[in-house]
Amino acid sequence: MRIVRIRKETAVAEQASVDLSLMDPLIEKYKGKKGNMIPLLQGTQEMYGYIPREAFQKLADETGLKLSEMYGVATFYAQFRLNPVGKHIVKVCHGTACHVQNANELTDALEEALKIKDGETTEDGLFTLESVACLGCCSLAPVMMIGDDTFGKLTGAQSVKIVKNIRISENN
């Protein structure tokens, strides 16, 4: 089974303005070094949670990297994000073991509870829902991860309860 993410296009106006000066130490560290593109993109994403459009331009202007090449790398590798994501990324495994154990039930329940589709972020910016190909814990199928926490042998209702508890703790 192949996971296909349909991304909601985020208008540039929706993306908050970012302080590009935060990138200066990163650029200084890697400027002129061979093989610097991926570390620069990773460092930029670590700062902002995604790679803003303006950051691509700054990297191009200050390092000489080509915009088209950086964009090609950023869109090829699944680790890179071009749009802001929620504070908590909810990853639902849809690998073979999880699929057989009804991972679709988890995704459907979470989409309904969070009022978003796969690949989208809640309006409050708290959660982003992602279907992933494998989380590597097949014995726990069906499984989801939120940050570094793994939750296994779930039902749709249990997955929703976990997310609701996180929301409650965030509001306290």
N, C-alpha and C. Protein backbone atom coordinates (compact mmCIF):
# COMPACT_ATOMS: atom_id res chain seq x y z
N MET A 1 0.84 -1.18 0.00
CA MET A 1 0.00 0.00 0.00
C MET A 1 0.88 1.23 0.00
N ARG A 2 0.54 2.18 -0.79
CA ARG A 2 1.31 3.41 -0.87
C ARG A 2 0.54 4.54 -0.24
N ILE A 3 1.19 5.30 0.61
CA ILE A 3 0.56 6.44 1.27
C ILE A 3 0.72 7.64 0.36
N VAL A 4 -0.38 8.28 0.06
CA VAL A 4 -0.36 9.48 -0.76
C VAL A 4 -0.88 10.62 0.09
N ARG A 5 -0.06 11.62 0.28
CA ARG A 5 -0.47 12.78 1.06
C ARG A 5 -0.94 13.87 0.13
N ILE A 6 -2.12 14.34 0.37
CA ILE A 6 -2.63 15.48 -0.38
C ILE A 6 -2.48 16.68 0.53
N ARG A 7 -1.64 17.57 0.14
CA ARG A 7 -1.32 18.72 0.98
C ARG A 7 -2.24 19.89 0.69
N LYS A 8 -2.70 20.49 1.75
CA LYS A 8 -3.48 21.71 1.63
C LYS A 8 -2.49 22.83 1.34
N GLU A 9 -2.74 23.56 0.29
CA GLU A 9 -1.86 24.67 -0.04
C GLU A 9 -2.09 25.80 0.95
N THR A 10 -1.02 26.28 1.54
CA THR A 10 -1.10 27.38 2.48
C THR A 10 -0.70 28.66 1.75
N ALA A 11 -1.59 29.61 1.79
CA ALA A 11 -1.29 30.88 1.14
C ALA A 11 -0.12 31.54 1.84
N VAL A 12 0.69 32.27 1.08
CA VAL A 12 1.85 32.94 1.65
C VAL A 12 1.40 33.88 2.77
N ALA A 13 0.27 34.54 2.61
CA ALA A 13 -0.21 35.48 3.61
C ALA A 13 -0.50 34.78 4.94
N GLU A 14 -0.86 33.50 4.90
CA GLU A 14 -1.16 32.75 6.12
C GLU A 14 0.10 32.42 6.90
N GLN A 15 1.23 32.32 6.22
CA GLN A 15 2.47 31.98 6.89
C GLN A 15 2.98 33.22 7.63
N ALA A 16 3.22 33.04 8.90
CA ALA A 16 3.68 34.15 9.72
C ALA A 16 5.04 34.63 9.23
N SER A 17 5.28 35.91 9.38
CA SER A 17 6.56 36.47 9.04
C SER A 17 7.62 35.89 9.97
N VAL A 18 8.77 35.56 9.43
CA VAL A 18 9.81 34.93 10.22
C VAL A 18 11.02 35.84 10.34
N ASP A 19 11.75 35.70 11.43
CA ASP A 19 12.97 36.46 11.67
C ASP A 19 14.13 35.72 11.01
N LEU A 20 14.50 36.16 9.82
CA LEU A 20 15.55 35.48 9.06
C LEU A 20 16.93 35.66 9.67
N SER A 21 17.09 36.61 10.55
CA SER A 21 18.41 36.81 11.17
C SER A 21 18.81 35.61 12.05
N LEU A 22 17.82 34.82 12.46
CA LEU A 22 18.11 33.61 13.24
C LEU A 22 18.98 32.63 12.45
N MET A 23 18.94 32.74 11.13
CA MET A 23 19.68 31.82 10.27
C MET A 23 21.15 32.18 10.15
N ASP A 24 21.53 33.38 10.54
CA ASP A 24 22.89 33.87 10.33
C ASP A 24 23.98 32.93 10.89
N PRO A 25 23.87 32.47 12.16
CA PRO A 25 24.91 31.55 12.66
C PRO A 25 24.97 30.23 11.88
N LEU A 26 23.83 29.74 11.47
CA LEU A 26 23.77 28.50 10.68
C LEU A 26 24.47 28.69 9.35
N ILE A 27 24.18 29.78 8.69
CA ILE A 27 24.80 30.06 7.39
C ILE A 27 26.30 30.23 7.55
N GLU A 28 26.73 30.93 8.59
CA GLU A 28 28.16 31.12 8.84
C GLU A 28 28.85 29.77 9.03
N LYS A 29 28.20 28.86 9.73
CA LYS A 29 28.78 27.55 10.03
C LYS A 29 29.02 26.72 8.76
N TYR A 30 28.07 26.79 7.81
CA TYR A 30 28.14 25.92 6.63
C TYR A 30 28.52 26.62 5.33
N LYS A 31 28.62 27.93 5.34
CA LYS A 31 28.92 28.68 4.12
C LYS A 31 30.24 28.21 3.51
N GLY A 32 30.19 27.88 2.22
CA GLY A 32 31.40 27.49 1.50
C GLY A 32 31.83 26.05 1.71
N LYS A 33 31.13 25.31 2.55
CA LYS A 33 31.50 23.92 2.79
C LYS A 33 30.82 23.01 1.78
N LYS A 34 31.54 22.00 1.35
CA LYS A 34 31.01 21.04 0.40
C LYS A 34 29.90 20.22 1.09
N GLY A 35 28.82 19.96 0.37
CA GLY A 35 27.73 19.16 0.91
C GLY A 35 26.92 19.87 1.98
N ASN A 36 26.84 21.18 1.87
CA ASN A 36 26.18 21.97 2.92
C ASN A 36 24.66 22.09 2.76
N MET A 37 24.10 21.70 1.64
CA MET A 37 22.69 21.96 1.39
C MET A 37 21.76 21.30 2.41
N ILE A 38 21.91 20.00 2.61
CA ILE A 38 21.01 19.29 3.53
C ILE A 38 21.17 19.79 4.97
N PRO A 39 22.39 19.97 5.48
CA PRO A 39 22.49 20.52 6.84
C PRO A 39 21.87 21.92 6.96
N LEU A 40 22.00 22.74 5.93
CA LEU A 40 21.39 24.06 5.97
C LEU A 40 19.86 23.97 5.99
N LEU A 41 19.31 23.08 5.17
CA LEU A 41 17.86 22.91 5.15
C LEU A 41 17.37 22.32 6.47
N GLN A 42 18.10 21.34 7.01
CA GLN A 42 17.71 20.74 8.28
C GLN A 42 17.77 21.77 9.41
N GLY A 43 18.81 22.54 9.45
CA GLY A 43 18.96 23.56 10.50
C GLY A 43 17.89 24.63 10.41
N THR A 44 17.55 25.02 9.19
CA THR A 44 16.50 26.01 8.99
C THR A 44 15.17 25.46 9.47
N GLN A 45 14.88 24.22 9.12
CA GLN A 45 13.63 23.62 9.55
C GLN A 45 13.58 23.47 11.07
N GLU A 46 14.71 23.15 11.67
CA GLU A 46 14.75 23.01 13.13
C GLU A 46 14.41 24.34 13.81
N MET A 47 14.81 25.45 13.21
CA MET A 47 14.53 26.78 13.78
C MET A 47 13.06 27.16 13.70
N TYR A 48 12.45 26.90 12.56
CA TYR A 48 11.10 27.40 12.30
C TYR A 48 10.01 26.33 12.33
N GLY A 49 10.41 25.06 12.34
CA GLY A 49 9.43 23.98 12.28
C GLY A 49 9.08 23.59 10.86
N TYR A 50 9.49 24.39 9.92
CA TYR A 50 9.32 24.16 8.49
C TYR A 50 10.32 25.07 7.78
N ILE A 51 10.39 25.00 6.46
CA ILE A 51 11.31 25.88 5.73
C ILE A 51 10.49 26.96 5.03
N PRO A 52 10.51 28.17 5.57
CA PRO A 52 9.75 29.26 4.96
C PRO A 52 10.31 29.64 3.58
N ARG A 53 9.44 30.16 2.73
CA ARG A 53 9.89 30.60 1.39
C ARG A 53 11.04 31.58 1.47
N GLU A 54 10.91 32.54 2.40
CA GLU A 54 11.94 33.57 2.53
C GLU A 54 13.29 32.97 2.89
N ALA A 55 13.27 31.85 3.62
CA ALA A 55 14.52 31.20 4.03
C ALA A 55 15.25 30.61 2.83
N PHE A 56 14.51 30.06 1.88
CA PHE A 56 15.14 29.55 0.66
C PHE A 56 15.90 30.67 -0.05
N GLN A 57 15.26 31.83 -0.15
CA GLN A 57 15.88 32.96 -0.84
C GLN A 57 17.13 33.43 -0.10
N LYS A 58 17.04 33.51 1.23
CA LYS A 58 18.21 33.93 2.02
C LYS A 58 19.36 32.94 1.83
N LEU A 59 19.05 31.66 1.86
CA LEU A 59 20.10 30.65 1.65
C LEU A 59 20.73 30.80 0.27
N ALA A 60 19.91 31.02 -0.73
CA ALA A 60 20.43 31.20 -2.09
C ALA A 60 21.32 32.44 -2.17
N ASP A 61 20.84 33.54 -1.61
CA ASP A 61 21.59 34.80 -1.67
C ASP A 61 22.92 34.73 -0.94
N GLU A 62 22.93 34.05 0.20
CA GLU A 62 24.12 34.09 1.05
C GLU A 62 25.07 32.91 0.90
N THR A 63 24.62 31.85 0.26
CA THR A 63 25.50 30.68 0.11
C THR A 63 25.80 30.35 -1.35
N GLY A 64 25.01 30.91 -2.26
CA GLY A 64 25.21 30.60 -3.67
C GLY A 64 24.50 29.34 -4.12
N LEU A 65 23.79 28.68 -3.20
CA LEU A 65 23.02 27.49 -3.60
C LEU A 65 21.88 27.92 -4.52
N LYS A 66 21.54 27.07 -5.47
CA LYS A 66 20.47 27.40 -6.41
C LYS A 66 19.11 27.09 -5.79
N LEU A 67 18.17 28.02 -5.97
CA LEU A 67 16.82 27.83 -5.45
C LEU A 67 16.20 26.54 -5.97
N SER A 68 16.35 26.28 -7.25
CA SER A 68 15.73 25.09 -7.84
C SER A 68 16.30 23.81 -7.24
N GLU A 69 17.59 23.78 -6.96
CA GLU A 69 18.21 22.59 -6.37
C GLU A 69 17.76 22.40 -4.93
N MET A 70 17.70 23.50 -4.16
CA MET A 70 17.24 23.39 -2.77
C MET A 70 15.79 22.94 -2.71
N TYR A 71 14.98 23.50 -3.58
CA TYR A 71 13.57 23.12 -3.59
C TYR A 71 13.42 21.66 -4.01
N GLY A 72 14.23 21.23 -4.96
CA GLY A 72 14.20 19.83 -5.40
C GLY A 72 14.54 18.88 -4.26
N VAL A 73 15.55 19.21 -3.48
CA VAL A 73 15.93 18.38 -2.34
C VAL A 73 14.83 18.40 -1.28
N ALA A 74 14.31 19.60 -0.99
CA ALA A 74 13.30 19.75 0.07
C ALA A 74 11.99 19.04 -0.27
N THR A 75 11.67 18.95 -1.55
CA THR A 75 10.43 18.26 -1.92
C THR A 75 10.65 16.76 -2.14
N PHE A 76 11.90 16.35 -2.36
CA PHE A 76 12.19 14.93 -2.55
C PHE A 76 12.16 14.18 -1.22
N TYR A 77 12.79 14.74 -0.20
CA TYR A 77 12.89 14.06 1.09
C TYR A 77 11.69 14.39 1.97
N ALA A 78 11.07 13.34 2.51
CA ALA A 78 9.87 13.49 3.33
C ALA A 78 10.15 14.22 4.65
N GLN A 79 11.41 14.29 5.07
CA GLN A 79 11.72 14.95 6.34
C GLN A 79 11.50 16.46 6.29
N PHE A 80 11.50 17.04 5.10
CA PHE A 80 11.38 18.49 4.99
C PHE A 80 9.93 18.93 4.83
N ARG A 81 9.60 20.05 5.46
CA ARG A 81 8.25 20.61 5.41
C ARG A 81 8.33 22.02 4.84
N LEU A 82 7.37 22.33 3.98
CA LEU A 82 7.34 23.66 3.37
C LEU A 82 6.22 24.52 3.95
N ASN A 83 5.44 23.95 4.85
CA ASN A 83 4.36 24.68 5.49
C ASN A 83 4.44 24.48 6.99
N PRO A 84 3.93 25.44 7.75
CA PRO A 84 3.94 25.28 9.21
C PRO A 84 3.16 24.04 9.64
N VAL A 85 3.60 23.44 10.73
CA VAL A 85 2.93 22.27 11.28
C VAL A 85 2.49 22.55 12.71
N GLY A 86 1.65 21.67 13.22
CA GLY A 86 1.16 21.83 14.58
C GLY A 86 2.24 21.55 15.62
N LYS A 87 1.94 21.94 16.83
CA LYS A 87 2.86 21.71 17.94
C LYS A 87 3.07 20.21 18.14
N HIS A 88 2.01 19.43 17.94
CA HIS A 88 2.08 17.98 18.08
C HIS A 88 1.79 17.34 16.72
N ILE A 89 2.73 16.53 16.23
CA ILE A 89 2.51 15.82 14.98
C ILE A 89 2.05 14.41 15.32
N VAL A 90 0.84 14.08 14.87
CA VAL A 90 0.24 12.78 15.12
C VAL A 90 0.48 11.92 13.90
N LYS A 91 1.35 10.91 14.05
CA LYS A 91 1.68 10.02 12.94
C LYS A 91 0.94 8.70 13.13
N VAL A 92 0.13 8.35 12.17
CA VAL A 92 -0.59 7.08 12.21
C VAL A 92 0.08 6.15 11.21
N CYS A 93 0.51 4.99 11.70
CA CYS A 93 1.18 4.02 10.84
C CYS A 93 0.16 3.32 9.95
N HIS A 94 0.49 3.23 8.66
CA HIS A 94 -0.33 2.50 7.70
C HIS A 94 0.48 1.43 6.99
N GLY A 95 1.54 0.94 7.67
CA GLY A 95 2.32 -0.17 7.13
C GLY A 95 1.46 -1.43 7.12
N THR A 96 2.00 -2.51 6.60
CA THR A 96 1.22 -3.73 6.41
C THR A 96 0.57 -4.22 7.70
N ALA A 97 1.33 -4.37 8.76
CA ALA A 97 0.77 -4.89 10.02
C ALA A 97 -0.33 -3.96 10.55
N CYS A 98 -0.10 -2.67 10.52
CA CYS A 98 -1.10 -1.72 11.02
C CYS A 98 -2.32 -1.67 10.10
N HIS A 99 -2.07 -1.74 8.80
CA HIS A 99 -3.18 -1.74 7.85
C HIS A 99 -4.10 -2.93 8.09
N VAL A 100 -3.51 -4.10 8.28
CA VAL A 100 -4.29 -5.31 8.53
C VAL A 100 -5.06 -5.20 9.84
N GLN A 101 -4.49 -4.49 10.81
CA GLN A 101 -5.14 -4.32 12.11
C GLN A 101 -6.05 -3.08 12.15
N ASN A 102 -6.40 -2.55 10.98
CA ASN A 102 -7.38 -1.47 10.82
C ASN A 102 -6.88 -0.08 11.22
N ALA A 103 -5.72 0.28 10.73
CA ALA A 103 -5.19 1.63 10.96
C ALA A 103 -6.12 2.70 10.40
N ASN A 104 -6.88 2.35 9.35
CA ASN A 104 -7.81 3.33 8.78
C ASN A 104 -8.82 3.82 9.81
N GLU A 105 -9.19 2.95 10.75
CA GLU A 105 -10.11 3.35 11.81
C GLU A 105 -9.51 4.47 12.65
N LEU A 106 -8.21 4.38 12.94
CA LEU A 106 -7.54 5.43 13.71
C LEU A 106 -7.56 6.75 12.96
N THR A 107 -7.13 6.69 11.70
CA THR A 107 -7.07 7.92 10.90
C THR A 107 -8.45 8.53 10.75
N ASP A 108 -9.45 7.72 10.45
CA ASP A 108 -10.81 8.24 10.28
C ASP A 108 -11.31 8.90 11.56
N ALA A 109 -11.08 8.25 12.71
CA ALA A 109 -11.54 8.79 13.99
C ALA A 109 -10.82 10.10 14.32
N LEU A 110 -9.53 10.15 14.06
CA LEU A 110 -8.76 11.37 14.34
C LEU A 110 -9.16 12.50 13.40
N GLU A 111 -9.38 12.18 12.12
CA GLU A 111 -9.84 13.22 11.19
C GLU A 111 -11.15 13.83 11.66
N GLU A 112 -12.06 12.97 12.10
CA GLU A 112 -13.36 13.46 12.56
C GLU A 112 -13.22 14.28 13.85
N ALA A 113 -12.45 13.79 14.79
CA ALA A 113 -12.30 14.48 16.08
C ALA A 113 -11.55 15.81 15.94
N LEU A 114 -10.53 15.82 15.10
CA LEU A 114 -9.71 17.03 14.93
C LEU A 114 -10.26 17.97 13.86
N LYS A 115 -11.23 17.48 13.08
CA LYS A 115 -11.83 18.25 11.99
C LYS A 115 -10.79 18.68 10.95
N ILE A 116 -9.88 17.75 10.63
CA ILE A 116 -8.88 17.96 9.59
C ILE A 116 -8.73 16.68 8.79
N LYS A 117 -8.08 16.78 7.65
CA LYS A 117 -7.75 15.62 6.82
C LYS A 117 -6.28 15.30 7.00
N ASP A 118 -5.89 14.14 6.51
CA ASP A 118 -4.50 13.73 6.56
C ASP A 118 -3.61 14.79 5.93
N GLY A 119 -2.53 15.16 6.63
CA GLY A 119 -1.60 16.16 6.13
C GLY A 119 -1.95 17.58 6.53
N GLU A 120 -3.08 17.77 7.19
CA GLU A 120 -3.51 19.11 7.58
C GLU A 120 -3.21 19.38 9.05
N THR A 121 -3.34 20.64 9.42
CA THR A 121 -3.10 21.10 10.78
C THR A 121 -4.37 21.74 11.32
N THR A 122 -4.65 21.49 12.60
CA THR A 122 -5.85 22.08 13.21
C THR A 122 -5.74 23.60 13.21
N GLU A 123 -6.90 24.25 13.23
CA GLU A 123 -6.94 25.72 13.19
C GLU A 123 -6.16 26.35 14.33
N ASP A 124 -6.16 25.70 15.50
CA ASP A 124 -5.45 26.26 16.65
C ASP A 124 -3.95 25.98 16.61
N GLY A 125 -3.49 25.27 15.57
CA GLY A 125 -2.07 24.99 15.41
C GLY A 125 -1.52 23.96 16.39
N LEU A 126 -2.40 23.22 17.04
CA LEU A 126 -1.96 22.27 18.05
C LEU A 126 -1.57 20.91 17.46
N PHE A 127 -2.32 20.44 16.44
CA PHE A 127 -2.07 19.10 15.89
C PHE A 127 -1.94 19.12 14.37
N THR A 128 -1.01 18.31 13.88
CA THR A 128 -0.92 17.98 12.46
C THR A 128 -1.07 16.47 12.37
N LEU A 129 -1.92 16.01 11.46
CA LEU A 129 -2.18 14.58 11.29
C LEU A 129 -1.44 14.08 10.05
N GLU A 130 -0.68 13.00 10.21
CA GLU A 130 0.07 12.43 9.10
C GLU A 130 -0.07 10.92 9.07
N SER A 131 -0.36 10.39 7.90
CA SER A 131 -0.27 8.94 7.69
C SER A 131 1.15 8.65 7.23
N VAL A 132 1.76 7.64 7.84
CA VAL A 132 3.13 7.29 7.48
C VAL A 132 3.18 5.82 7.06
N ALA A 133 4.20 5.46 6.31
CA ALA A 133 4.31 4.11 5.76
C ALA A 133 4.67 3.07 6.82
N CYS A 134 5.51 3.43 7.79
CA CYS A 134 5.89 2.46 8.82
C CYS A 134 6.55 3.19 9.97
N LEU A 135 6.18 2.81 11.19
CA LEU A 135 6.83 3.37 12.38
C LEU A 135 7.77 2.36 13.02
N GLY A 136 7.83 1.15 12.47
CA GLY A 136 8.80 0.16 12.94
C GLY A 136 8.45 -0.53 14.25
N CYS A 137 7.19 -0.54 14.60
CA CYS A 137 6.78 -1.25 15.82
C CYS A 137 5.54 -2.09 15.51
N CYS A 138 5.73 -3.02 14.60
CA CYS A 138 4.65 -3.84 14.07
C CYS A 138 3.92 -4.67 15.12
N SER A 139 4.61 -5.05 16.17
CA SER A 139 3.97 -5.86 17.20
C SER A 139 2.93 -5.07 17.98
N LEU A 140 2.94 -3.75 17.84
CA LEU A 140 1.97 -2.89 18.54
C LEU A 140 0.80 -2.49 17.65
N ALA A 141 0.71 -3.03 16.46
CA ALA A 141 -0.29 -2.61 15.47
C ALA A 141 -1.72 -2.70 16.00
N PRO A 142 -2.55 -1.71 15.61
CA PRO A 142 -2.23 -0.46 14.93
C PRO A 142 -1.63 0.55 15.90
N VAL A 143 -0.73 1.37 15.39
CA VAL A 143 0.06 2.24 16.24
C VAL A 143 0.07 3.68 15.72
N MET A 144 0.22 4.63 16.67
CA MET A 144 0.43 6.02 16.30
C MET A 144 1.51 6.59 17.21
N MET A 145 2.17 7.62 16.72
CA MET A 145 3.18 8.34 17.51
C MET A 145 2.78 9.79 17.58
N ILE A 146 2.99 10.37 18.74
CA ILE A 146 2.82 11.81 18.92
C ILE A 146 4.11 12.28 19.55
N GLY A 147 4.89 13.02 18.78
CA GLY A 147 6.22 13.39 19.24
C GLY A 147 7.05 12.13 19.40
N ASP A 148 7.63 11.92 20.59
CA ASP A 148 8.45 10.74 20.86
C ASP A 148 7.65 9.62 21.53
N ASP A 149 6.36 9.84 21.77
CA ASP A 149 5.53 8.86 22.46
C ASP A 149 4.83 7.94 21.47
N THR A 150 4.91 6.64 21.73
CA THR A 150 4.29 5.63 20.88
C THR A 150 3.09 5.03 21.60
N PHE A 151 2.00 4.89 20.87
CA PHE A 151 0.77 4.31 21.42
C PHE A 151 0.36 3.15 20.53
N GLY A 152 0.20 1.96 21.11
CA GLY A 152 -0.08 0.79 20.31
C GLY A 152 -1.34 0.06 20.69
N LYS A 153 -1.71 -0.87 19.80
CA LYS A 153 -2.91 -1.71 19.95
C LYS A 153 -4.14 -0.84 20.20
N LEU A 154 -4.28 0.18 19.37
CA LEU A 154 -5.31 1.19 19.54
C LEU A 154 -6.59 0.91 18.78
N THR A 155 -7.67 1.48 19.27
CA THR A 155 -8.92 1.59 18.53
C THR A 155 -9.05 3.06 18.15
N GLY A 156 -10.00 3.36 17.30
CA GLY A 156 -10.24 4.74 16.93
C GLY A 156 -10.58 5.59 18.15
N ALA A 157 -11.42 5.06 19.02
CA ALA A 157 -11.85 5.79 20.23
C ALA A 157 -10.66 6.05 21.15
N GLN A 158 -9.77 5.08 21.29
CA GLN A 158 -8.60 5.27 22.14
C GLN A 158 -7.67 6.35 21.58
N SER A 159 -7.49 6.37 20.27
CA SER A 159 -6.62 7.38 19.66
C SER A 159 -7.20 8.78 19.87
N VAL A 160 -8.51 8.91 19.76
CA VAL A 160 -9.16 10.20 19.98
C VAL A 160 -9.01 10.63 21.44
N LYS A 161 -9.14 9.70 22.36
CA LYS A 161 -9.01 10.01 23.78
C LYS A 161 -7.61 10.54 24.10
N ILE A 162 -6.59 9.93 23.51
CA ILE A 162 -5.21 10.37 23.71
C ILE A 162 -5.04 11.82 23.25
N VAL A 163 -5.55 12.12 22.07
CA VAL A 163 -5.44 13.48 21.52
C VAL A 163 -6.23 14.47 22.39
N LYS A 164 -7.42 14.08 22.84
CA LYS A 164 -8.22 14.96 23.70
C LYS A 164 -7.51 15.24 25.01
N ASN A 165 -6.84 14.24 25.58
CA ASN A 165 -6.09 14.44 26.82
C ASN A 165 -4.92 15.42 26.61
N ILE A 166 -4.27 15.34 25.47
CA ILE A 166 -3.19 16.28 25.17
C ILE A 166 -3.76 17.68 25.05
N ARG A 167 -4.90 17.83 24.39
CA ARG A 167 -5.54 19.14 24.24
C ARG A 167 -5.89 19.72 25.61
N ILE A 168 -6.44 18.88 26.48
CA ILE A 168 -6.80 19.33 27.84
C ILE A 168 -5.56 19.79 28.60
N SER A 169 -4.49 19.01 28.52
CA SER A 169 -3.26 19.39 29.23
C SER A 169 -2.65 20.67 28.67
N GLU A 170 -2.82 20.91 27.38
CA GLU A 170 -2.32 22.14 26.76
C GLU A 170 -3.10 23.37 27.21
N ASN A 171 -4.38 23.18 27.49
CA ASN A 171 -5.24 24.30 27.89
C ASN A 171 -5.17 24.62 29.37
N ASN A 172 -4.48 23.77 30.14
CA ASN A 172 -4.36 24.03 31.59
C ASN A 172 -3.13 24.84 31.91
